[in-house]
Amino acid sequence: MAQQATPVRQARLGRTLGPEGRAVSGVVLLLPAGDEVSDRRPSALLGAASVRALGRGLARAGRGEGLAAHVVHYRSRGWNGAEAHLARDAEWAAEEVVRRYGDVPVCLAGVGMGGRAALRAAGHEAVTAVLALAPWLPDEDVAAPPEPVKQLVGRHVLIVHGTNDRRSDPELSFRLAARAKKANRNVCRFEVHSDGHALRDYRDEVVALAEDFVLGVLFGQSFSRPVEDALAAPPPLGLRMPLAAGFGKSLRHR
């Protein structure tokens, strides 16, 4: 008897975290953390946990603008070297947004390895912005090509990284941002001093910063002064912008 072929896994979008039944004017694709190498299927609950709270905050903030937020469920939890599975799943998700919603702007928002996927998949024509929280990036190796940045040209890019991150080296995200900034002025990076990989100590500030950025790039709302300054400042100032304690409280009264 012939051996039955293993079914090919497919990436999929979780149900929208925004309001149902309204016209969608912009989409955030939430890319969870992953592993460097793994063929295992991600846990639906654990995999989405790293981005679900962020997605809910963004959906609430963008409800009046028609923002839809979807968690991307990967085929497997690993990046897997040159296969770059998570980035390919992010590209598939952007294409799925076009199929479902038409010509609407898309922001890729990723955490950890999902941040790397967001940065790498930014070249899709529907993507206008990238939000990378504590992105995992490979160590620089003179024998290997550097992480690409040309796909970021023409996009708004915000990287947020804790200075005490022991899982994803914050210096690597600074170096990538510096290379990207040479070709794209719309790149900025915020540092969360003394916070770790999960950015727990300043979670409210990080979510407020993400909301400010996403509503600005997808719907043309005015950026807060810190984001404006970070985008306008030359390196390294705009790439080592400190995220102030209490960020976001004054924005609710704008």
C-alpha atoms as a PDB file:
ATOM      1  CA  MET A   1       0.000   0.000   0.000  1.00  0.00           C
ATOM      2  CA  ALA A   2       1.354   3.394  -0.970  1.00  0.00           C
ATOM      3  CA  GLN A   3       2.201   5.676   1.919  1.00  0.00           C
ATOM      4  CA  GLN A   4      -0.294   8.507   2.272  1.00  0.00           C
ATOM      5  CA  ALA A   5       1.212  11.945   1.711  1.00  0.00           C
ATOM      6  CA  THR A   6       1.317  14.302   4.682  1.00  0.00           C
ATOM      7  CA  PRO A   7      -1.149  17.163   4.133  1.00  0.00           C
ATOM      8  CA  VAL A   8       0.480  20.511   3.424  1.00  0.00           C
ATOM      9  CA  ARG A   9      -0.112  22.950   6.235  1.00  0.00           C
ATOM     10  CA  GLN A  10      -1.597  26.317   5.394  1.00  0.00           C
ATOM     11  CA  ALA A  11      -1.197  29.609   7.183  1.00  0.00           C
ATOM     12  CA  ARG A  12      -4.452  31.272   8.175  1.00  0.00           C
ATOM     13  CA  LEU A  13      -5.846  34.481   9.607  1.00  0.00           C
ATOM     14  CA  GLY A  14      -7.577  34.529  12.948  1.00  0.00           C
ATOM     15  CA  ARG A  15     -10.962  36.195  13.126  1.00  0.00           C
ATOM     16  CA  THR A  16     -10.915  39.955  13.211  1.00  0.00           C
ATOM     17  CA  LEU A  17     -10.304  41.620  16.557  1.00  0.00           C
ATOM     18  CA  GLY A  18     -12.073  44.739  15.315  1.00  0.00           C
ATOM     19  CA  PRO A  19     -15.802  45.386  14.971  1.00  0.00           C
ATOM     20  CA  GLU A  20     -17.686  43.043  12.662  1.00  0.00           C
ATOM     21  CA  GLY A  21     -19.943  44.323   9.921  1.00  0.00           C
ATOM     22  CA  ARG A  22     -18.205  47.642   9.261  1.00  0.00           C
ATOM     23  CA  ALA A  23     -16.338  48.705   6.158  1.00  0.00           C
ATOM     24  CA  VAL A  24     -12.638  47.973   6.616  1.00  0.00           C
ATOM     25  CA  SER A  25     -10.323  50.867   5.743  1.00  0.00           C
ATOM     26  CA  GLY A  26      -7.040  49.472   7.079  1.00  0.00           C
ATOM     27  CA  VAL A  27      -5.630  46.246   8.466  1.00  0.00           C
ATOM     28  CA  VAL A  28      -3.033  45.292  11.062  1.00  0.00           C
ATOM     29  CA  LEU A  29      -1.574  41.816  10.688  1.00  0.00           C
ATOM     30  CA  LEU A  30      -0.270  40.566  14.032  1.00  0.00           C
ATOM     31  CA  LEU A  31       2.746  38.276  13.759  1.00  0.00           C
ATOM     32  CA  PRO A  32       3.439  36.242  16.922  1.00  0.00           C
ATOM     33  CA  ALA A  33       6.824  35.205  18.238  1.00  0.00           C
ATOM     34  CA  GLY A  34       8.405  32.023  16.881  1.00  0.00           C
ATOM     35  CA  ASP A  35      11.518  29.872  17.006  1.00  0.00           C
ATOM     36  CA  GLU A  36      14.719  30.009  15.011  1.00  0.00           C
ATOM     37  CA  VAL A  37      14.319  26.403  13.848  1.00  0.00           C
ATOM     38  CA  SER A  38      11.197  24.277  14.238  1.00  0.00           C
ATOM     39  CA  ASP A  39       8.749  22.317  12.094  1.00  0.00           C
ATOM     40  CA  ARG A  40       6.233  21.970  14.908  1.00  0.00           C
ATOM     41  CA  ARG A  41       2.786  23.458  14.521  1.00  0.00           C
ATOM     42  CA  PRO A  42       2.307  26.562  16.697  1.00  0.00           C
ATOM     43  CA  SER A  43      -0.099  26.435  19.601  1.00  0.00           C
ATOM     44  CA  ALA A  44      -3.133  28.522  18.673  1.00  0.00           C
ATOM     45  CA  LEU A  45      -3.402  29.954  22.181  1.00  0.00           C
ATOM     46  CA  LEU A  46       0.244  30.380  23.169  1.00  0.00           C
ATOM     47  CA  GLY A  47       1.343  31.564  19.751  1.00  0.00           C
ATOM     48  CA  ALA A  48      -1.220  34.356  19.632  1.00  0.00           C
ATOM     49  CA  ALA A  49      -0.783  35.425  23.254  1.00  0.00           C
ATOM     50  CA  SER A  50       2.221  37.632  22.484  1.00  0.00           C
ATOM     51  CA  VAL A  51       0.228  39.806  20.093  1.00  0.00           C
ATOM     52  CA  ARG A  52      -3.428  39.445  21.068  1.00  0.00           C
ATOM     53  CA  ALA A  53      -3.391  42.177  23.726  1.00  0.00           C
ATOM     54  CA  LEU A  54      -1.670  44.526  21.300  1.00  0.00           C
ATOM     55  CA  GLY A  55      -4.247  43.690  18.656  1.00  0.00           C
ATOM     56  CA  ARG A  56      -7.162  44.397  20.976  1.00  0.00           C
ATOM     57  CA  GLY A  57      -5.706  47.786  21.887  1.00  0.00           C
ATOM     58  CA  LEU A  58      -5.187  48.688  18.253  1.00  0.00           C
ATOM     59  CA  ALA A  59      -8.681  47.507  17.305  1.00  0.00           C
ATOM     60  CA  ARG A  60     -10.244  49.681  20.025  1.00  0.00           C
ATOM     61  CA  ALA A  61      -8.187  52.716  19.056  1.00  0.00           C
ATOM     62  CA  GLY A  62      -9.000  52.329  15.357  1.00  0.00           C
ATOM     63  CA  ARG A  63     -12.651  51.329  15.657  1.00  0.00           C
ATOM     64  CA  GLY A  64     -13.910  54.634  14.308  1.00  0.00           C
ATOM     65  CA  GLU A  65     -11.538  54.486  11.354  1.00  0.00           C
ATOM     66  CA  GLY A  66     -12.506  50.994  10.205  1.00  0.00           C
ATOM     67  CA  LEU A  67      -9.412  49.177  11.441  1.00  0.00           C
ATOM     68  CA  ALA A  68      -9.396  45.385  11.380  1.00  0.00           C
ATOM     69  CA  ALA A  69      -6.716  43.402  13.218  1.00  0.00           C
ATOM     70  CA  HIS A  70      -5.954  39.740  12.517  1.00  0.00           C
ATOM     71  CA  VAL A  71      -3.518  37.357  14.166  1.00  0.00           C
ATOM     72  CA  VAL A  72      -1.531  35.397  11.569  1.00  0.00           C
ATOM     73  CA  HIS A  73      -1.395  31.694  12.435  1.00  0.00           C
ATOM     74  CA  TYR A  74       1.796  30.285  10.945  1.00  0.00           C
ATOM     75  CA  ARG A  75       2.182  26.897   9.290  1.00  0.00           C
ATOM     76  CA  SER A  76       4.979  26.079  11.721  1.00  0.00           C
ATOM     77  CA  ARG A  77       6.665  27.951  14.541  1.00  0.00           C
ATOM     78  CA  GLY A  78      10.161  28.088  13.002  1.00  0.00           C
ATOM     79  CA  TRP A  79      11.925  30.612  10.754  1.00  0.00           C
ATOM     80  CA  ASN A  80      13.999  27.749   9.381  1.00  0.00           C
ATOM     81  CA  GLY A  81      16.977  29.403   7.740  1.00  0.00           C
ATOM     82  CA  ALA A  82      16.733  30.330   4.081  1.00  0.00           C
ATOM     83  CA  GLU A  83      13.145  29.043   3.992  1.00  0.00           C
ATOM     84  CA  ALA A  84      12.103  32.071   6.090  1.00  0.00           C
ATOM     85  CA  HIS A  85       8.754  30.393   6.711  1.00  0.00           C
ATOM     86  CA  LEU A  86       7.373  33.082   9.007  1.00  0.00           C
ATOM     87  CA  ALA A  87       8.112  35.847   6.511  1.00  0.00           C
ATOM     88  CA  ARG A  88       6.509  33.834   3.729  1.00  0.00           C
ATOM     89  CA  ASP A  89       3.413  33.348   5.876  1.00  0.00           C
ATOM     90  CA  ALA A  90       3.327  37.103   6.516  1.00  0.00           C
ATOM     91  CA  GLU A  91       3.451  37.730   2.766  1.00  0.00           C
ATOM     92  CA  TRP A  92       0.630  35.238   2.256  1.00  0.00           C
ATOM     93  CA  ALA A  93      -1.395  37.062   4.916  1.00  0.00           C
ATOM     94  CA  ALA A  94      -0.910  40.412   3.158  1.00  0.00           C
ATOM     95  CA  GLU A  95      -2.139  38.820  -0.061  1.00  0.00           C
ATOM     96  CA  GLU A  96      -5.134  37.393   1.790  1.00  0.00           C
ATOM     97  CA  VAL A  97      -5.985  40.896   3.043  1.00  0.00           C
ATOM     98  CA  VAL A  98      -6.063  42.115  -0.564  1.00  0.00           C
ATOM     99  CA  ARG A  99      -8.365  39.232  -1.494  1.00  0.00           C
ATOM    100  CA  ARG A 100     -10.748  39.909   1.404  1.00  0.00           C
ATOM    101  CA  TYR A 101     -10.746  43.681   1.673  1.00  0.00           C
ATOM    102  CA  GLY A 102      -9.364  45.061  -1.556  1.00  0.00           C
ATOM    103  CA  ASP A 103      -6.919  47.949  -1.768  1.00  0.00           C
ATOM    104  CA  VAL A 104      -6.517  48.916   1.899  1.00  0.00           C
ATOM    105  CA  PRO A 105      -3.265  49.853   3.678  1.00  0.00           C
ATOM    106  CA  VAL A 106      -1.641  47.137   5.781  1.00  0.00           C
ATOM    107  CA  CYS A 107       0.636  47.366   8.799  1.00  0.00           C
ATOM    108  CA  LEU A 108       2.682  44.302   9.746  1.00  0.00           C
ATOM    109  CA  ALA A 109       3.098  44.205  13.533  1.00  0.00           C
ATOM    110  CA  GLY A 110       5.361  41.520  14.932  1.00  0.00           C
ATOM    111  CA  VAL A 111       6.930  40.473  18.220  1.00  0.00           C
ATOM    112  CA  GLY A 112      10.297  38.705  18.559  1.00  0.00           C
ATOM    113  CA  MET A 113      10.734  36.407  15.557  1.00  0.00           C
ATOM    114  CA  GLY A 114       7.446  37.838  14.308  1.00  0.00           C
ATOM    115  CA  GLY A 115       9.162  41.227  14.289  1.00  0.00           C
ATOM    116  CA  ARG A 116      11.793  39.823  11.949  1.00  0.00           C
ATOM    117  CA  ALA A 117       9.009  38.431   9.752  1.00  0.00           C
ATOM    118  CA  ALA A 118       7.315  41.850   9.651  1.00  0.00           C
ATOM    119  CA  LEU A 119      10.523  43.561   8.598  1.00  0.00           C
ATOM    120  CA  ARG A 120      11.341  40.947   5.964  1.00  0.00           C
ATOM    121  CA  ALA A 121       7.843  40.797   4.427  1.00  0.00           C
ATOM    122  CA  ALA A 122       7.479  44.570   4.116  1.00  0.00           C
ATOM    123  CA  GLY A 123       8.087  44.470   0.379  1.00  0.00           C
ATOM    124  CA  HIS A 124       4.547  43.275  -0.351  1.00  0.00           C
ATOM    125  CA  GLU A 125       2.770  46.021  -2.302  1.00  0.00           C
ATOM    126  CA  ALA A 126      -0.115  46.241   0.193  1.00  0.00           C
ATOM    127  CA  VAL A 127       2.196  46.932   3.146  1.00  0.00           C
ATOM    128  CA  THR A 128       2.643  50.579   4.054  1.00  0.00           C
ATOM    129  CA  ALA A 129       4.039  50.231   7.578  1.00  0.00           C
ATOM    130  CA  VAL A 130       5.975  47.919   9.884  1.00  0.00           C
ATOM    131  CA  LEU A 131       5.892  47.757  13.677  1.00  0.00           C
ATOM    132  CA  ALA A 132       8.570  45.493  15.148  1.00  0.00           C
ATOM    133  CA  LEU A 133       8.581  44.926  18.916  1.00  0.00           C
ATOM    134  CA  ALA A 134      11.800  43.406  20.301  1.00  0.00           C
ATOM    135  CA  PRO A 135      12.581  41.862  16.898  1.00  0.00           C
ATOM    136  CA  TRP A 136      14.797  38.790  16.913  1.00  0.00           C
ATOM    137  CA  LEU A 137      17.581  39.254  14.379  1.00  0.00           C
ATOM    138  CA  PRO A 138      20.487  36.930  13.568  1.00  0.00           C
ATOM    139  CA  ASP A 139      23.996  37.676  14.773  1.00  0.00           C
ATOM    140  CA  GLU A 140      26.013  39.500  12.154  1.00  0.00           C
ATOM    141  CA  ASP A 141      28.394  37.184  10.306  1.00  0.00           C
ATOM    142  CA  VAL A 142      30.984  38.378   7.816  1.00  0.00           C
ATOM    143  CA  ALA A 143      30.450  35.169   5.850  1.00  0.00           C
ATOM    144  CA  ALA A 144      26.696  35.708   5.491  1.00  0.00           C
ATOM    145  CA  PRO A 145      24.790  38.544   3.837  1.00  0.00           C
ATOM    146  CA  PRO A 146      23.302  41.073   6.282  1.00  0.00           C
ATOM    147  CA  GLU A 147      19.598  41.130   7.021  1.00  0.00           C
ATOM    148  CA  PRO A 148      18.012  42.943   4.031  1.00  0.00           C
ATOM    149  CA  VAL A 149      16.526  46.433   4.339  1.00  0.00           C
ATOM    150  CA  LYS A 150      15.718  47.396   0.734  1.00  0.00           C
ATOM    151  CA  GLN A 151      12.155  46.085   1.161  1.00  0.00           C
ATOM    152  CA  LEU A 152      11.588  48.780   3.803  1.00  0.00           C
ATOM    153  CA  VAL A 153      12.011  51.655   1.352  1.00  0.00           C
ATOM    154  CA  GLY A 154       8.736  53.564   1.002  1.00  0.00           C
ATOM    155  CA  ARG A 155       7.325  52.194   4.267  1.00  0.00           C
ATOM    156  CA  HIS A 156       6.995  53.769   7.701  1.00  0.00           C
ATOM    157  CA  VAL A 157       8.958  51.671  10.175  1.00  0.00           C
ATOM    158  CA  LEU A 158       8.852  51.719  13.980  1.00  0.00           C
ATOM    159  CA  ILE A 159      11.089  49.447  16.050  1.00  0.00           C
ATOM    160  CA  VAL A 160      10.694  49.236  19.834  1.00  0.00           C
ATOM    161  CA  HIS A 161      13.275  47.431  21.957  1.00  0.00           C
ATOM    162  CA  GLY A 162      14.010  47.041  25.656  1.00  0.00           C
ATOM    163  CA  THR A 163      17.583  47.825  26.602  1.00  0.00           C
ATOM    164  CA  ASN A 164      17.746  44.795  28.934  1.00  0.00           C
ATOM    165  CA  ASP A 165      16.487  42.295  26.361  1.00  0.00           C
ATOM    166  CA  ARG A 166      18.417  39.038  26.845  1.00  0.00           C
ATOM    167  CA  ARG A 167      16.664  37.103  24.080  1.00  0.00           C
ATOM    168  CA  SER A 168      16.810  39.542  21.166  1.00  0.00           C
ATOM    169  CA  ASP A 169      19.927  41.726  21.101  1.00  0.00           C
ATOM    170  CA  PRO A 170      18.778  45.370  20.981  1.00  0.00           C
ATOM    171  CA  GLU A 171      22.047  46.418  19.358  1.00  0.00           C
ATOM    172  CA  LEU A 172      21.189  44.312  16.307  1.00  0.00           C
ATOM    173  CA  SER A 173      17.874  46.106  15.799  1.00  0.00           C
ATOM    174  CA  PHE A 174      19.690  49.445  16.135  1.00  0.00           C
ATOM    175  CA  ARG A 175      22.182  48.463  13.438  1.00  0.00           C
ATOM    176  CA  LEU A 176      19.418  47.307  11.092  1.00  0.00           C
ATOM    177  CA  ALA A 177      17.510  50.553  11.698  1.00  0.00           C
ATOM    178  CA  ALA A 178      20.655  52.574  10.960  1.00  0.00           C
ATOM    179  CA  ARG A 179      21.117  50.809   7.623  1.00  0.00           C
ATOM    180  CA  ALA A 180      17.444  51.229   6.747  1.00  0.00           C
ATOM    181  CA  LYS A 181      17.484  54.921   7.678  1.00  0.00           C
ATOM    182  CA  LYS A 182      20.128  55.618   5.019  1.00  0.00           C
ATOM    183  CA  ALA A 183      17.615  54.768   2.298  1.00  0.00           C
ATOM    184  CA  ASN A 184      14.357  55.623   4.050  1.00  0.00           C
ATOM    185  CA  ARG A 185      13.865  58.658   6.275  1.00  0.00           C
ATOM    186  CA  ASN A 186      10.602  57.216   7.656  1.00  0.00           C
ATOM    187  CA  VAL A 187      12.369  54.868  10.054  1.00  0.00           C
ATOM    188  CA  CYS A 188      12.483  55.370  13.814  1.00  0.00           C
ATOM    189  CA  ARG A 189      13.335  53.276  16.839  1.00  0.00           C
ATOM    190  CA  PHE A 190      12.399  53.686  20.503  1.00  0.00           C
ATOM    191  CA  GLU A 191      14.364  52.262  23.405  1.00  0.00           C
ATOM    192  CA  VAL A 192      12.586  51.168  26.574  1.00  0.00           C
ATOM    193  CA  HIS A 193      15.228  51.619  29.233  1.00  0.00           C
ATOM    194  CA  SER A 194      15.713  48.778  31.730  1.00  0.00           C
ATOM    195  CA  ASP A 195      12.867  46.706  30.228  1.00  0.00           C
ATOM    196  CA  GLY A 196      13.289  43.146  28.982  1.00  0.00           C
ATOM    197  CA  HIS A 197      12.160  41.148  25.975  1.00  0.00           C
ATOM    198  CA  ALA A 198       8.450  41.087  26.828  1.00  0.00           C
ATOM    199  CA  LEU A 199       8.341  44.848  27.533  1.00  0.00           C
ATOM    200  CA  ARG A 200       6.160  44.166  30.567  1.00  0.00           C
ATOM    201  CA  ASP A 201       7.284  47.094  32.710  1.00  0.00           C
ATOM    202  CA  TYR A 202       6.135  49.653  30.145  1.00  0.00           C
ATOM    203  CA  ARG A 203       3.356  47.687  28.469  1.00  0.00           C
ATOM    204  CA  ASP A 204       0.831  50.546  28.541  1.00  0.00           C
ATOM    205  CA  GLU A 205       3.352  52.961  27.042  1.00  0.00           C
ATOM    206  CA  VAL A 206       4.321  50.502  24.308  1.00  0.00           C
ATOM    207  CA  VAL A 207       0.684  49.906  23.349  1.00  0.00           C
ATOM    208  CA  ALA A 208       0.021  53.668  23.320  1.00  0.00           C
ATOM    209  CA  LEU A 209       3.065  54.187  21.086  1.00  0.00           C
ATOM    210  CA  ALA A 210       1.873  51.441  18.747  1.00  0.00           C
ATOM    211  CA  GLU A 211      -1.599  52.997  18.547  1.00  0.00           C
ATOM    212  CA  ASP A 212      -0.140  56.429  17.809  1.00  0.00           C
ATOM    213  CA  PHE A 213       2.022  55.020  15.022  1.00  0.00           C
ATOM    214  CA  VAL A 214      -0.583  52.754  13.420  1.00  0.00           C
ATOM    215  CA  LEU A 215      -3.370  55.362  13.365  1.00  0.00           C
ATOM    216  CA  GLY A 216      -0.918  57.830  11.871  1.00  0.00           C
ATOM    217  CA  VAL A 217       0.411  55.644   9.081  1.00  0.00           C
ATOM    218  CA  LEU A 218      -2.850  53.911   8.134  1.00  0.00           C
ATOM    219  CA  PHE A 219      -5.334  56.762   8.517  1.00  0.00           C
ATOM    220  CA  GLY A 220      -3.303  59.958   8.358  1.00  0.00           C
ATOM    221  CA  GLN A 221      -3.838  61.028  11.955  1.00  0.00           C
ATOM    222  CA  SER A 222      -1.205  63.319  13.421  1.00  0.00           C
ATOM    223  CA  PHE A 223       1.713  61.610  15.097  1.00  0.00           C
ATOM    224  CA  SER A 224       2.549  62.512  18.677  1.00  0.00           C
ATOM    225  CA  ARG A 225       5.492  64.864  19.117  1.00  0.00           C
ATOM    226  CA  PRO A 226       7.901  62.082  20.191  1.00  0.00           C
ATOM    227  CA  VAL A 227       7.144  60.044  17.058  1.00  0.00           C
ATOM    228  CA  GLU A 228       7.453  63.118  14.842  1.00  0.00           C
ATOM    229  CA  ASP A 229      10.791  63.950  16.455  1.00  0.00           C
ATOM    230  CA  ALA A 230      12.067  60.392  16.116  1.00  0.00           C
ATOM    231  CA  LEU A 231      11.207  60.260  12.415  1.00  0.00           C
ATOM    232  CA  ALA A 232      12.777  63.661  11.748  1.00  0.00           C
ATOM    233  CA  ALA A 233      15.953  63.255  13.814  1.00  0.00           C
ATOM    234  CA  PRO A 234      19.143  62.062  12.117  1.00  0.00           C
ATOM    235  CA  PRO A 235      20.853  58.894  13.340  1.00  0.00           C
ATOM    236  CA  PRO A 236      21.540  57.948  16.013  1.00  0.00           C
ATOM    237  CA  LEU A 237      19.090  60.280  17.808  1.00  0.00           C
ATOM    238  CA  GLY A 238      15.940  59.100  16.053  1.00  0.00           C
ATOM    239  CA  LEU A 239      16.982  55.486  16.470  1.00  0.00           C
ATOM    240  CA  ARG A 240      17.678  55.639  20.209  1.00  0.00           C
ATOM    241  CA  MET A 241      14.628  57.664  21.211  1.00  0.00           C
ATOM    242  CA  PRO A 242      13.711  56.921  24.841  1.00  0.00           C
ATOM    243  CA  LEU A 243      10.127  55.892  25.504  1.00  0.00           C
ATOM    244  CA  ALA A 244       9.060  58.089  28.398  1.00  0.00           C
ATOM    245  CA  ALA A 245       7.155  56.709  31.372  1.00  0.00           C
ATOM    246  CA  GLY A 246       3.513  57.704  31.072  1.00  0.00           C
ATOM    247  CA  PHE A 247       3.619  58.033  27.285  1.00  0.00           C
ATOM    248  CA  GLY A 248       0.100  58.058  25.928  1.00  0.00           C
ATOM    249  CA  LYS A 249      -1.742  59.592  28.862  1.00  0.00           C
ATOM    250  CA  SER A 250      -1.723  63.066  27.308  1.00  0.00           C
ATOM    251  CA  LEU A 251      -2.668  61.682  23.886  1.00  0.00           C
ATOM    252  CA  ARG A 252      -6.119  60.702  25.135  1.00  0.00           C
ATOM    253  CA  HIS A 253      -6.886  64.408  25.487  1.00  0.00           C
ATOM    254  CA  ARG A 254      -5.635  65.527  22.067  1.00  0.00           C
END
